[in-house]
Amino acid sequence: MTIERAVFAFAGCMVLLSVALTYFVHPNFIWFTVFVGANLLQFSFSSFCPAAFVFKKLGMKTERQCAV
C-alpha cells in the first residue's frame, strides 16, 4: 500500500468514527469530520498531511517511488 492510499483509507476510517461519535456521543464531534475533510483538501493541493508524515516514517513508499 502506498502513502497516498493509506492516507485516504485512514481518512475514511476517521470520518466513519467521527460520524459514529456524533451520533452516539455528542453532536459537536461533527467538527472532527470537518477537520478531516479540510485536511484532505489541503493534502490534495500541498501533498502535506500529518498522517502521511507518520506513514513515511513507518517506511511506506509514495506512488512515485513504487512506479520506478
PDB file of N, CA and C in Angstrom:
ATOM      1  N   MET A   1       0.844  -1.173   0.000  1.00  0.00           N
ATOM      2  CA  MET A   1       0.000   0.000   0.000  1.00  0.00           C
ATOM      3  C   MET A   1       0.893   1.242   0.000  1.00  0.00           C
ATOM      4  N   THR A   2       0.506   2.220  -0.777  1.00  0.00           N
ATOM      5  CA  THR A   2       1.281   3.456  -0.857  1.00  0.00           C
ATOM      6  C   THR A   2       0.777   4.461   0.185  1.00  0.00           C
ATOM      7  N   ILE A   3       1.579   5.491   0.393  1.00  0.00           N
ATOM      8  CA  ILE A   3       1.222   6.522   1.358  1.00  0.00           C
ATOM      9  C   ILE A   3      -0.093   7.190   0.969  1.00  0.00           C
ATOM     10  N   GLU A   4      -0.254   7.498  -0.307  1.00  0.00           N
ATOM     11  CA  GLU A   4      -1.463   8.184  -0.748  1.00  0.00           C
ATOM     12  C   GLU A   4      -2.718   7.355  -0.464  1.00  0.00           C
ATOM     13  N   ARG A   5      -2.650   6.075  -0.752  1.00  0.00           N
ATOM     14  CA  ARG A   5      -3.801   5.205  -0.485  1.00  0.00           C
ATOM     15  C   ARG A   5      -4.021   5.030   1.011  1.00  0.00           C
ATOM     16  N   ALA A   6      -2.953   4.969   1.769  1.00  0.00           N
ATOM     17  CA  ALA A   6      -3.074   4.832   3.224  1.00  0.00           C
ATOM     18  C   ALA A   6      -3.715   6.074   3.837  1.00  0.00           C
ATOM     19  N   VAL A   7      -3.372   7.242   3.313  1.00  0.00           N
ATOM     20  CA  VAL A   7      -3.971   8.478   3.815  1.00  0.00           C
ATOM     21  C   VAL A   7      -5.476   8.463   3.575  1.00  0.00           C
ATOM     22  N   PHE A   8      -5.898   8.060   2.375  1.00  0.00           N
ATOM     23  CA  PHE A   8      -7.328   8.016   2.083  1.00  0.00           C
ATOM     24  C   PHE A   8      -8.044   6.960   2.923  1.00  0.00           C
ATOM     25  N   ALA A   9      -7.417   5.822   3.143  1.00  0.00           N
ATOM     26  CA  ALA A   9      -8.018   4.784   3.978  1.00  0.00           C
ATOM     27  C   ALA A   9      -8.139   5.262   5.427  1.00  0.00           C
ATOM     28  N   PHE A  10      -7.089   5.896   5.921  1.00  0.00           N
ATOM     29  CA  PHE A  10      -7.101   6.417   7.286  1.00  0.00           C
ATOM     30  C   PHE A  10      -8.166   7.502   7.436  1.00  0.00           C
ATOM     31  N   ALA A  11      -8.250   8.395   6.453  1.00  0.00           N
ATOM     32  CA  ALA A  11      -9.247   9.468   6.499  1.00  0.00           C
ATOM     33  C   ALA A  11     -10.656   8.894   6.468  1.00  0.00           C
ATOM     34  N   GLY A  12     -10.872   7.875   5.659  1.00  0.00           N
ATOM     35  CA  GLY A  12     -12.186   7.242   5.613  1.00  0.00           C
ATOM     36  C   GLY A  12     -12.573   6.646   6.952  1.00  0.00           C
ATOM     37  N   CYS A  13     -11.627   5.998   7.603  1.00  0.00           N
ATOM     38  CA  CYS A  13     -11.891   5.436   8.942  1.00  0.00           C
ATOM     39  C   CYS A  13     -12.182   6.538   9.947  1.00  0.00           C
ATOM     40  N   MET A  14     -11.452   7.640   9.864  1.00  0.00           N
ATOM     41  CA  MET A  14     -11.667   8.752  10.792  1.00  0.00           C
ATOM     42  C   MET A  14     -13.034   9.409  10.567  1.00  0.00           C
ATOM     43  N   VAL A  15     -13.460   9.517   9.311  1.00  0.00           N
ATOM     44  CA  VAL A  15     -14.780  10.085   9.025  1.00  0.00           C
ATOM     45  C   VAL A  15     -15.875   9.182   9.593  1.00  0.00           C
ATOM     46  N   LEU A  16     -15.757   7.881   9.369  1.00  0.00           N
ATOM     47  CA  LEU A  16     -16.756   6.958   9.913  1.00  0.00           C
ATOM     48  C   LEU A  16     -16.774   6.997  11.439  1.00  0.00           C
ATOM     49  N   LEU A  17     -15.600   7.068  12.054  1.00  0.00           N
ATOM     50  CA  LEU A  17     -15.523   7.165  13.506  1.00  0.00           C
ATOM     51  C   LEU A  17     -16.176   8.447  14.002  1.00  0.00           C
ATOM     52  N   SER A  18     -15.901   9.557  13.336  1.00  0.00           N
ATOM     53  CA  SER A  18     -16.459  10.825  13.790  1.00  0.00           C
ATOM     54  C   SER A  18     -17.968  10.881  13.596  1.00  0.00           C
ATOM     55  N   VAL A  19     -18.485  10.245  12.557  1.00  0.00           N
ATOM     56  CA  VAL A  19     -19.940  10.189  12.374  1.00  0.00           C
ATOM     57  C   VAL A  19     -20.565   9.364  13.497  1.00  0.00           C
ATOM     58  N   ALA A  20     -19.945   8.247  13.839  1.00  0.00           N
ATOM     59  CA  ALA A  20     -20.455   7.426  14.938  1.00  0.00           C
ATOM     60  C   ALA A  20     -20.401   8.198  16.261  1.00  0.00           C
ATOM     61  N   LEU A  21     -19.308   8.903  16.510  1.00  0.00           N
ATOM     62  CA  LEU A  21     -19.200   9.700  17.738  1.00  0.00           C
ATOM     63  C   LEU A  21     -20.240  10.822  17.761  1.00  0.00           C
ATOM     64  N   THR A  22     -20.495  11.429  16.608  1.00  0.00           N
ATOM     65  CA  THR A  22     -21.504  12.478  16.524  1.00  0.00           C
ATOM     66  C   THR A  22     -22.884  11.924  16.860  1.00  0.00           C
ATOM     67  N   TYR A  23     -23.181  10.760  16.350  1.00  0.00           N
ATOM     68  CA  TYR A  23     -24.490  10.158  16.555  1.00  0.00           C
ATOM     69  C   TYR A  23     -24.671   9.642  17.982  1.00  0.00           C
ATOM     70  N   PHE A  24     -23.661   8.943  18.508  1.00  0.00           N
ATOM     71  CA  PHE A  24     -23.820   8.267  19.785  1.00  0.00           C
ATOM     72  C   PHE A  24     -23.339   9.065  20.998  1.00  0.00           C
ATOM     73  N   VAL A  25     -22.420  10.012  20.811  1.00  0.00           N
ATOM     74  CA  VAL A  25     -21.821  10.689  21.964  1.00  0.00           C
ATOM     75  C   VAL A  25     -22.282  12.139  22.077  1.00  0.00           C
ATOM     76  N   HIS A  26     -21.889  12.963  21.085  1.00  0.00           N
ATOM     77  CA  HIS A  26     -22.213  14.393  21.160  1.00  0.00           C
ATOM     78  C   HIS A  26     -22.177  14.999  19.765  1.00  0.00           C
ATOM     79  N   PRO A  27     -23.129  15.870  19.450  1.00  0.00           N
ATOM     80  CA  PRO A  27     -23.185  16.479  18.112  1.00  0.00           C
ATOM     81  C   PRO A  27     -21.952  17.304  17.725  1.00  0.00           C
ATOM     82  N   ASN A  28     -21.196  17.781  18.686  1.00  0.00           N
ATOM     83  CA  ASN A  28     -20.017  18.590  18.366  1.00  0.00           C
ATOM     84  C   ASN A  28     -18.874  17.779  17.754  1.00  0.00           C
ATOM     85  N   PHE A  29     -18.985  16.463  17.779  1.00  0.00           N
ATOM     86  CA  PHE A  29     -17.966  15.651  17.115  1.00  0.00           C
ATOM     87  C   PHE A  29     -18.011  15.822  15.597  1.00  0.00           C
ATOM     88  N   ILE A  30     -19.031  16.491  15.083  1.00  0.00           N
ATOM     89  CA  ILE A  30     -19.101  16.769  13.643  1.00  0.00           C
ATOM     90  C   ILE A  30     -17.906  17.625  13.214  1.00  0.00           C
ATOM     91  N   TRP A  31     -17.353  18.383  14.144  1.00  0.00           N
ATOM     92  CA  TRP A  31     -16.175  19.207  13.822  1.00  0.00           C
ATOM     93  C   TRP A  31     -14.949  18.367  13.521  1.00  0.00           C
ATOM     94  N   PHE A  32     -14.917  17.172  14.064  1.00  0.00           N
ATOM     95  CA  PHE A  32     -13.839  16.237  13.730  1.00  0.00           C
ATOM     96  C   PHE A  32     -13.939  15.845  12.252  1.00  0.00           C
ATOM     97  N   THR A  33     -15.157  15.631  11.773  1.00  0.00           N
ATOM     98  CA  THR A  33     -15.376  15.337  10.357  1.00  0.00           C
ATOM     99  C   THR A  33     -14.938  16.513   9.489  1.00  0.00           C
ATOM    100  N   VAL A  34     -15.261  17.709   9.926  1.00  0.00           N
ATOM    101  CA  VAL A  34     -14.848  18.913   9.185  1.00  0.00           C
ATOM    102  C   VAL A  34     -13.331  19.001   9.126  1.00  0.00           C
ATOM    103  N   PHE A  35     -12.657  18.731  10.228  1.00  0.00           N
ATOM    104  CA  PHE A  35     -11.194  18.767  10.255  1.00  0.00           C
ATOM    105  C   PHE A  35     -10.599  17.751   9.285  1.00  0.00           C
ATOM    106  N   VAL A  36     -11.126  16.533   9.262  1.00  0.00           N
ATOM    107  CA  VAL A  36     -10.615  15.500   8.359  1.00  0.00           C
ATOM    108  C   VAL A  36     -10.824  15.924   6.908  1.00  0.00           C
ATOM    109  N   GLY A  37     -11.989  16.453   6.592  1.00  0.00           N
ATOM    110  CA  GLY A  37     -12.264  16.916   5.226  1.00  0.00           C
ATOM    111  C   GLY A  37     -11.358  18.064   4.812  1.00  0.00           C
ATOM    112  N   ALA A  38     -11.151  19.013   5.701  1.00  0.00           N
ATOM    113  CA  ALA A  38     -10.256  20.140   5.402  1.00  0.00           C
ATOM    114  C   ALA A  38      -8.828  19.659   5.215  1.00  0.00           C
ATOM    115  N   ASN A  39      -8.416  18.691   6.010  1.00  0.00           N
ATOM    116  CA  ASN A  39      -7.068  18.145   5.892  1.00  0.00           C
ATOM    117  C   ASN A  39      -6.901  17.421   4.551  1.00  0.00           C
ATOM    118  N   LEU A  40      -7.922  16.690   4.110  1.00  0.00           N
ATOM    119  CA  LEU A  40      -7.860  16.027   2.802  1.00  0.00           C
ATOM    120  C   LEU A  40      -7.781  17.042   1.669  1.00  0.00           C
ATOM    121  N   LEU A  41      -8.551  18.120   1.780  1.00  0.00           N
ATOM    122  CA  LEU A  41      -8.499  19.165   0.755  1.00  0.00           C
ATOM    123  C   LEU A  41      -7.123  19.808   0.704  1.00  0.00           C
ATOM    124  N   GLN A  42      -6.556  20.102   1.859  1.00  0.00           N
ATOM    125  CA  GLN A  42      -5.223  20.684   1.926  1.00  0.00           C
ATOM    126  C   GLN A  42      -4.175  19.710   1.382  1.00  0.00           C
ATOM    127  N   PHE A  43      -4.330  18.421   1.674  1.00  0.00           N
ATOM    128  CA  PHE A  43      -3.399  17.400   1.188  1.00  0.00           C
ATOM    129  C   PHE A  43      -3.419  17.315  -0.338  1.00  0.00           C
ATOM    130  N   SER A  44      -4.584  17.520  -0.943  1.00  0.00           N
ATOM    131  CA  SER A  44      -4.672  17.427  -2.399  1.00  0.00           C
ATOM    132  C   SER A  44      -3.904  18.550  -3.090  1.00  0.00           C
ATOM    133  N   PHE A  45      -3.756  19.688  -2.432  1.00  0.00           N
ATOM    134  CA  PHE A  45      -3.038  20.804  -3.041  1.00  0.00           C
ATOM    135  C   PHE A  45      -1.563  20.852  -2.654  1.00  0.00           C
ATOM    136  N   SER A  46      -1.253  20.512  -1.420  1.00  0.00           N
ATOM    137  CA  SER A  46       0.113  20.696  -0.946  1.00  0.00           C
ATOM    138  C   SER A  46       0.897  19.406  -0.750  1.00  0.00           C
ATOM    139  N   SER A  47       0.228  18.274  -0.798  1.00  0.00           N
ATOM    140  CA  SER A  47       0.838  16.957  -0.555  1.00  0.00           C
ATOM    141  C   SER A  47       1.434  16.852   0.846  1.00  0.00           C
ATOM    142  N   PHE A  48       0.960  17.662   1.772  1.00  0.00           N
ATOM    143  CA  PHE A  48       1.390  17.556   3.163  1.00  0.00           C
ATOM    144  C   PHE A  48       0.214  17.152   4.023  1.00  0.00           C
ATOM    145  N   CYS A  49       0.428  16.130   4.820  1.00  0.00           N
ATOM    146  CA  CYS A  49      -0.579  15.655   5.753  1.00  0.00           C
ATOM    147  C   CYS A  49       0.155  15.020   6.930  1.00  0.00           C
ATOM    148  N   PRO A  50      -0.258  15.316   8.154  1.00  0.00           N
ATOM    149  CA  PRO A  50       0.411  14.706   9.304  1.00  0.00           C
ATOM    150  C   PRO A  50       0.399  13.177   9.246  1.00  0.00           C
ATOM    151  N   ALA A  51      -0.696  12.596   8.787  1.00  0.00           N
ATOM    152  CA  ALA A  51      -0.765  11.133   8.682  1.00  0.00           C
ATOM    153  C   ALA A  51       0.235  10.621   7.642  1.00  0.00           C
ATOM    154  N   ALA A  52       0.387  11.349   6.535  1.00  0.00           N
ATOM    155  CA  ALA A  52       1.350  10.944   5.508  1.00  0.00           C
ATOM    156  C   ALA A  52       2.770  10.986   6.058  1.00  0.00           C
ATOM    157  N   PHE A  53       3.053  11.967   6.887  1.00  0.00           N
ATOM    158  CA  PHE A  53       4.369  12.066   7.524  1.00  0.00           C
ATOM    159  C   PHE A  53       4.633  10.841   8.397  1.00  0.00           C
ATOM    160  N   VAL A  54       3.627  10.432   9.154  1.00  0.00           N
ATOM    161  CA  VAL A  54       3.768   9.255  10.019  1.00  0.00           C
ATOM    162  C   VAL A  54       3.940   7.995   9.177  1.00  0.00           C
ATOM    163  N   PHE A  55       3.145   7.860   8.114  1.00  0.00           N
ATOM    164  CA  PHE A  55       3.263   6.683   7.248  1.00  0.00           C
ATOM    165  C   PHE A  55       4.638   6.616   6.592  1.00  0.00           C
ATOM    166  N   LYS A  56       5.179   7.771   6.228  1.00  0.00           N
ATOM    167  CA  LYS A  56       6.517   7.797   5.628  1.00  0.00           C
ATOM    168  C   LYS A  56       7.570   7.354   6.637  1.00  0.00           C
ATOM    169  N   LYS A  57       7.431   7.802   7.882  1.00  0.00           N
ATOM    170  CA  LYS A  57       8.360   7.391   8.940  1.00  0.00           C
ATOM    171  C   LYS A  57       8.262   5.889   9.215  1.00  0.00           C
ATOM    172  N   LEU A  58       7.092   5.308   8.961  1.00  0.00           N
ATOM    173  CA  LEU A  58       6.902   3.872   9.150  1.00  0.00           C
ATOM    174  C   LEU A  58       7.460   3.045   7.991  1.00  0.00           C
ATOM    175  N   GLY A  59       7.951   3.737   6.948  1.00  0.00           N
ATOM    176  CA  GLY A  59       8.604   3.042   5.855  1.00  0.00           C
ATOM    177  C   GLY A  59       7.763   2.838   4.610  1.00  0.00           C
ATOM    178  N   MET A  60       6.581   3.432   4.560  1.00  0.00           N
ATOM    179  CA  MET A  60       5.757   3.285   3.365  1.00  0.00           C
ATOM    180  C   MET A  60       6.322   4.148   2.239  1.00  0.00           C
ATOM    181  N   LYS A  61       6.044   3.742   1.021  1.00  0.00           N
ATOM    182  CA  LYS A  61       6.540   4.472  -0.145  1.00  0.00           C
ATOM    183  C   LYS A  61       5.405   5.215  -0.835  1.00  0.00           C
ATOM    184  N   THR A  62       5.787   6.270  -1.579  1.00  0.00           N
ATOM    185  CA  THR A  62       4.806   7.007  -2.361  1.00  0.00           C
ATOM    186  C   THR A  62       4.527   6.279  -3.659  1.00  0.00           C
ATOM    187  N   GLU A  63       3.490   6.678  -4.367  1.00  0.00           N
ATOM    188  CA  GLU A  63       3.173   6.058  -5.651  1.00  0.00           C
ATOM    189  C   GLU A  63       4.308   6.277  -6.645  1.00  0.00           C
ATOM    190  N   ARG A  64       4.932   7.447  -6.569  1.00  0.00           N
ATOM    191  CA  ARG A  64       6.052   7.744  -7.466  1.00  0.00           C
ATOM    192  C   ARG A  64       7.228   6.791  -7.222  1.00  0.00           C
ATOM    193  N   GLN A  65       7.523   6.526  -5.961  1.00  0.00           N
ATOM    194  CA  GLN A  65       8.618   5.614  -5.633  1.00  0.00           C
ATOM    195  C   GLN A  65       8.301   4.181  -6.062  1.00  0.00           C
ATOM    196  N   CYS A  66       7.066   3.806  -6.003  1.00  0.00           N
ATOM    197  CA  CYS A  66       6.674   2.446  -6.408  1.00  0.00           C
ATOM    198  C   CYS A  66       6.686   2.276  -7.917  1.00  0.00           C
ATOM    199  N   ALA A  67       6.486   3.367  -8.652  1.00  0.00           N
ATOM    200  CA  ALA A  67       6.424   3.294 -10.117  1.00  0.00           C
ATOM    201  C   ALA A  67       7.811   3.127 -10.733  1.00  0.00           C
ATOM    202  N   VAL A  68       8.839   3.508 -10.019  1.00  0.00           N
ATOM    203  CA  VAL A  68      10.209   3.456 -10.556  1.00  0.00           C
ATOM    204  C   VAL A  68      10.809   2.088 -10.448  1.00  0.00           C
TER     205      VAL A  68
END
